[in-house]
Every structure is written in structure tokens, then in C-alpha cells.
Amino acid sequence: MSALTRFLGDSPLRVFLKLLVISFLVGLVMHAFGWSPMDVFYGIRQFFIDLWNLGFRAIDRFLGYILLGAAIVVPVFVLLRIASYRK
């Protein structure tokens, strides 16, 4: 078994034929939907941008809840500590 065959997982001719058939089928489907390769890359890029923004919006919302709760909890904690210090 040659290094090239080992790398490709099959003989170069069989790999070429498999890639040719798969490329034809993918091209046929993309043409049917009116997609171009740039549309696919843009869609993938936009997916990760939306995922990134969604993650930071979730963190922003989470931190907002913490700050909202801290506006009540911290002053009450300080008042309770002051009240227990006097005893």
C-alpha cells in the first residue's frame, strides 16, 4: 500500500471518481436551490456571527439580572452586618 493510497483511503482513481460523483450531486442540489458557493460561505459566516451575538446577549442579560438583584441584596447585607455589629 503506497503512502498516497494510505492517505486517500483508497486508490487515487477510485477517490477521483467518488469525488466527481459527489461534486456533481452537490452541484445539482445547489443549482436547484439557486445557491452559489459564496452563499454557502456567507450563510456559515452569518450563522457563527449570530451564535456569537446570541451568546453575548445571554451574558448581558445574565449580568443585568445579577446587577438588578445586587441593587437590593448588597444594601440589605450591609445593613444586616451593621445591625449585627452593634450587638
N, C-alpha and C. Protein backbone atom coordinates (compact mmCIF):
# COMPACT_ATOMS: atom_id res chain seq x y z
N MET A 1 0.85 -1.17 0.00
CA MET A 1 0.00 0.00 0.00
C MET A 1 0.90 1.24 0.00
N SER A 2 0.73 2.09 -0.98
CA SER A 2 1.57 3.28 -1.08
C SER A 2 1.10 4.34 -0.09
N ALA A 3 1.96 5.31 0.13
CA ALA A 3 1.63 6.38 1.06
C ALA A 3 0.44 7.19 0.56
N LEU A 4 0.35 7.40 -0.76
CA LEU A 4 -0.77 8.15 -1.33
C LEU A 4 -2.08 7.39 -1.13
N THR A 5 -2.08 6.11 -1.36
CA THR A 5 -3.28 5.30 -1.17
C THR A 5 -3.68 5.28 0.30
N ARG A 6 -2.69 5.18 1.17
CA ARG A 6 -2.97 5.21 2.60
C ARG A 6 -3.57 6.55 3.01
N PHE A 7 -3.03 7.64 2.45
CA PHE A 7 -3.52 8.98 2.78
C PHE A 7 -4.95 9.18 2.27
N LEU A 8 -5.23 8.75 1.04
CA LEU A 8 -6.55 8.95 0.45
C LEU A 8 -7.58 7.95 0.95
N GLY A 9 -7.15 6.80 1.43
CA GLY A 9 -8.06 5.79 1.92
C GLY A 9 -8.51 4.82 0.86
N ASP A 10 -8.09 5.01 -0.37
CA ASP A 10 -8.44 4.15 -1.50
C ASP A 10 -7.49 4.50 -2.63
N SER A 11 -7.64 3.83 -3.75
CA SER A 11 -6.76 4.15 -4.88
C SER A 11 -7.12 5.55 -5.41
N PRO A 12 -6.13 6.26 -5.95
CA PRO A 12 -6.39 7.62 -6.43
C PRO A 12 -7.51 7.70 -7.47
N LEU A 13 -7.62 6.71 -8.36
CA LEU A 13 -8.67 6.73 -9.38
C LEU A 13 -10.05 6.58 -8.75
N ARG A 14 -10.18 5.67 -7.80
CA ARG A 14 -11.48 5.49 -7.13
C ARG A 14 -11.86 6.72 -6.33
N VAL A 15 -10.90 7.34 -5.66
CA VAL A 15 -11.18 8.57 -4.90
C VAL A 15 -11.61 9.68 -5.86
N PHE A 16 -10.94 9.79 -7.00
CA PHE A 16 -11.29 10.80 -8.00
C PHE A 16 -12.72 10.59 -8.50
N LEU A 17 -13.09 9.34 -8.79
CA LEU A 17 -14.44 9.05 -9.26
C LEU A 17 -15.49 9.35 -8.19
N LYS A 18 -15.21 9.00 -6.95
CA LYS A 18 -16.15 9.29 -5.86
C LYS A 18 -16.34 10.80 -5.71
N LEU A 19 -15.23 11.54 -5.74
CA LEU A 19 -15.32 13.00 -5.61
C LEU A 19 -16.07 13.61 -6.79
N LEU A 20 -15.88 13.06 -7.97
CA LEU A 20 -16.56 13.55 -9.16
C LEU A 20 -18.08 13.36 -9.03
N VAL A 21 -18.51 12.19 -8.59
CA VAL A 21 -19.94 11.91 -8.43
C VAL A 21 -20.55 12.78 -7.34
N ILE A 22 -19.88 12.88 -6.21
CA ILE A 22 -20.39 13.70 -5.10
C ILE A 22 -20.44 15.16 -5.50
N SER A 23 -19.42 15.65 -6.21
CA SER A 23 -19.41 17.04 -6.67
C SER A 23 -20.57 17.31 -7.62
N PHE A 24 -20.86 16.35 -8.50
CA PHE A 24 -21.99 16.51 -9.42
C PHE A 24 -23.30 16.60 -8.66
N LEU A 25 -23.50 15.71 -7.68
CA LEU A 25 -24.75 15.71 -6.91
C LEU A 25 -24.91 16.99 -6.09
N VAL A 26 -23.84 17.43 -5.45
CA VAL A 26 -23.90 18.67 -4.67
C VAL A 26 -24.16 19.85 -5.58
N GLY A 27 -23.51 19.89 -6.74
CA GLY A 27 -23.74 20.96 -7.70
C GLY A 27 -25.16 20.98 -8.21
N LEU A 28 -25.74 19.82 -8.43
CA LEU A 28 -27.13 19.71 -8.88
C LEU A 28 -28.09 20.26 -7.82
N VAL A 29 -27.88 19.88 -6.56
CA VAL A 29 -28.72 20.36 -5.47
C VAL A 29 -28.57 21.87 -5.29
N MET A 30 -27.32 22.35 -5.34
CA MET A 30 -27.09 23.80 -5.18
C MET A 30 -27.75 24.58 -6.31
N HIS A 31 -27.69 24.07 -7.52
CA HIS A 31 -28.33 24.74 -8.65
C HIS A 31 -29.85 24.74 -8.49
N ALA A 32 -30.41 23.64 -7.97
CA ALA A 32 -31.85 23.56 -7.77
C ALA A 32 -32.34 24.59 -6.75
N PHE A 33 -31.53 24.86 -5.73
CA PHE A 33 -31.90 25.85 -4.72
C PHE A 33 -31.44 27.26 -5.08
N GLY A 34 -30.68 27.40 -6.15
CA GLY A 34 -30.18 28.71 -6.55
C GLY A 34 -29.07 29.23 -5.67
N TRP A 35 -28.31 28.33 -5.08
CA TRP A 35 -27.21 28.71 -4.21
C TRP A 35 -25.92 28.79 -5.01
N SER A 36 -25.03 29.66 -4.55
CA SER A 36 -23.67 29.69 -5.07
C SER A 36 -22.73 29.33 -3.92
N PRO A 37 -21.48 29.00 -4.21
CA PRO A 37 -20.55 28.71 -3.11
C PRO A 37 -20.42 29.88 -2.14
N MET A 38 -20.48 31.11 -2.66
CA MET A 38 -20.37 32.27 -1.76
C MET A 38 -21.60 32.37 -0.85
N ASP A 39 -22.77 31.98 -1.34
CA ASP A 39 -23.96 31.98 -0.49
C ASP A 39 -23.79 31.01 0.67
N VAL A 40 -23.21 29.86 0.39
CA VAL A 40 -22.98 28.87 1.44
C VAL A 40 -21.98 29.41 2.46
N PHE A 41 -20.87 29.97 2.00
CA PHE A 41 -19.88 30.53 2.91
C PHE A 41 -20.45 31.70 3.71
N TYR A 42 -21.26 32.55 3.06
CA TYR A 42 -21.88 33.67 3.76
C TYR A 42 -22.85 33.15 4.82
N GLY A 43 -23.61 32.11 4.49
CA GLY A 43 -24.55 31.54 5.46
C GLY A 43 -23.84 30.96 6.67
N ILE A 44 -22.73 30.27 6.44
CA ILE A 44 -21.95 29.71 7.55
C ILE A 44 -21.37 30.84 8.40
N ARG A 45 -20.84 31.86 7.74
CA ARG A 45 -20.28 33.01 8.46
C ARG A 45 -21.36 33.70 9.28
N GLN A 46 -22.53 33.92 8.69
CA GLN A 46 -23.63 34.58 9.38
C GLN A 46 -24.13 33.75 10.55
N PHE A 47 -24.12 32.42 10.40
CA PHE A 47 -24.53 31.54 11.50
C PHE A 47 -23.63 31.74 12.71
N PHE A 48 -22.31 31.77 12.50
CA PHE A 48 -21.39 31.94 13.62
C PHE A 48 -21.46 33.34 14.21
N ILE A 49 -21.71 34.35 13.38
CA ILE A 49 -21.87 35.70 13.91
C ILE A 49 -23.11 35.78 14.78
N ASP A 50 -24.22 35.20 14.31
CA ASP A 50 -25.46 35.19 15.11
C ASP A 50 -25.28 34.41 16.40
N LEU A 51 -24.58 33.29 16.33
CA LEU A 51 -24.31 32.49 17.52
C LEU A 51 -23.46 33.28 18.53
N TRP A 52 -22.45 33.99 18.03
CA TRP A 52 -21.59 34.82 18.87
C TRP A 52 -22.41 35.92 19.55
N ASN A 53 -23.23 36.62 18.75
CA ASN A 53 -24.04 37.70 19.31
C ASN A 53 -25.06 37.18 20.30
N LEU A 54 -25.65 36.03 20.01
CA LEU A 54 -26.62 35.44 20.92
C LEU A 54 -25.95 35.11 22.25
N GLY A 55 -24.75 34.59 22.21
CA GLY A 55 -24.03 34.27 23.44
C GLY A 55 -23.76 35.50 24.28
N PHE A 56 -23.35 36.60 23.65
CA PHE A 56 -23.07 37.80 24.41
C PHE A 56 -24.35 38.47 24.89
N ARG A 57 -25.45 38.34 24.13
CA ARG A 57 -26.72 38.87 24.63
C ARG A 57 -27.16 38.10 25.86
N ALA A 58 -26.92 36.79 25.87
CA ALA A 58 -27.28 35.98 27.03
C ALA A 58 -26.43 36.37 28.23
N ILE A 59 -25.15 36.61 28.02
CA ILE A 59 -24.28 37.06 29.11
C ILE A 59 -24.71 38.43 29.60
N ASP A 60 -25.06 39.32 28.67
CA ASP A 60 -25.52 40.66 29.04
C ASP A 60 -26.79 40.57 29.88
N ARG A 61 -27.72 39.73 29.47
CA ARG A 61 -28.96 39.56 30.23
C ARG A 61 -28.67 38.97 31.60
N PHE A 62 -27.78 37.98 31.66
CA PHE A 62 -27.41 37.35 32.93
C PHE A 62 -26.78 38.36 33.88
N LEU A 63 -25.85 39.17 33.37
CA LEU A 63 -25.22 40.19 34.21
C LEU A 63 -26.22 41.25 34.63
N GLY A 64 -27.17 41.56 33.77
CA GLY A 64 -28.22 42.52 34.13
C GLY A 64 -29.03 42.02 35.31
N TYR A 65 -29.37 40.72 35.31
CA TYR A 65 -30.11 40.15 36.43
C TYR A 65 -29.29 40.20 37.71
N ILE A 66 -28.00 39.94 37.59
CA ILE A 66 -27.13 39.98 38.77
C ILE A 66 -27.08 41.40 39.33
N LEU A 67 -26.91 42.39 38.47
CA LEU A 67 -26.86 43.78 38.94
C LEU A 67 -28.20 44.21 39.53
N LEU A 68 -29.29 43.79 38.94
CA LEU A 68 -30.61 44.12 39.46
C LEU A 68 -30.80 43.52 40.85
N GLY A 69 -30.42 42.28 41.02
CA GLY A 69 -30.52 41.65 42.34
C GLY A 69 -29.54 42.25 43.34
N ALA A 70 -28.35 42.60 42.87
CA ALA A 70 -27.34 43.17 43.76
C ALA A 70 -27.77 44.54 44.27
N ALA A 71 -28.59 45.25 43.52
CA ALA A 71 -29.07 46.56 43.97
C ALA A 71 -29.90 46.43 45.24
N ILE A 72 -30.49 45.28 45.48
CA ILE A 72 -31.27 45.04 46.69
C ILE A 72 -30.45 44.27 47.72
N VAL A 73 -29.75 43.23 47.28
CA VAL A 73 -29.07 42.32 48.20
C VAL A 73 -27.90 42.99 48.91
N VAL A 74 -27.08 43.73 48.20
CA VAL A 74 -25.88 44.32 48.82
C VAL A 74 -26.25 45.34 49.90
N PRO A 75 -27.15 46.29 49.66
CA PRO A 75 -27.51 47.21 50.75
C PRO A 75 -28.14 46.49 51.95
N VAL A 76 -28.97 45.47 51.70
CA VAL A 76 -29.56 44.72 52.81
C VAL A 76 -28.46 43.98 53.57
N PHE A 77 -27.50 43.41 52.87
CA PHE A 77 -26.38 42.72 53.51
C PHE A 77 -25.59 43.70 54.39
N VAL A 78 -25.30 44.88 53.85
CA VAL A 78 -24.54 45.88 54.61
C VAL A 78 -25.33 46.31 55.84
N LEU A 79 -26.64 46.55 55.68
CA LEU A 79 -27.46 46.94 56.83
C LEU A 79 -27.51 45.84 57.89
N LEU A 80 -27.64 44.60 57.46
CA LEU A 80 -27.64 43.49 58.42
C LEU A 80 -26.30 43.35 59.13
N ARG A 81 -25.21 43.56 58.41
CA ARG A 81 -23.88 43.49 59.04
C ARG A 81 -23.71 44.62 60.05
N ILE A 82 -24.18 45.81 59.70
CA ILE A 82 -24.09 46.95 60.63
C ILE A 82 -24.96 46.68 61.86
N ALA A 83 -26.16 46.15 61.64
CA ALA A 83 -27.06 45.86 62.75
C ALA A 83 -26.49 44.78 63.66
N SER A 84 -25.85 43.78 63.13
CA SER A 84 -25.29 42.72 63.96
C SER A 84 -23.98 43.16 64.61
N TYR A 85 -23.32 44.16 64.08
CA TYR A 85 -22.07 44.66 64.65
C TYR A 85 -22.33 45.41 65.95
N ARG A 86 -23.48 46.07 66.05
CA ARG A 86 -23.80 46.87 67.23
C ARG A 86 -24.13 46.00 68.43
N LYS A 87 -24.47 44.76 68.24
CA LYS A 87 -24.86 43.90 69.37
C LYS A 87 -23.68 43.47 70.17
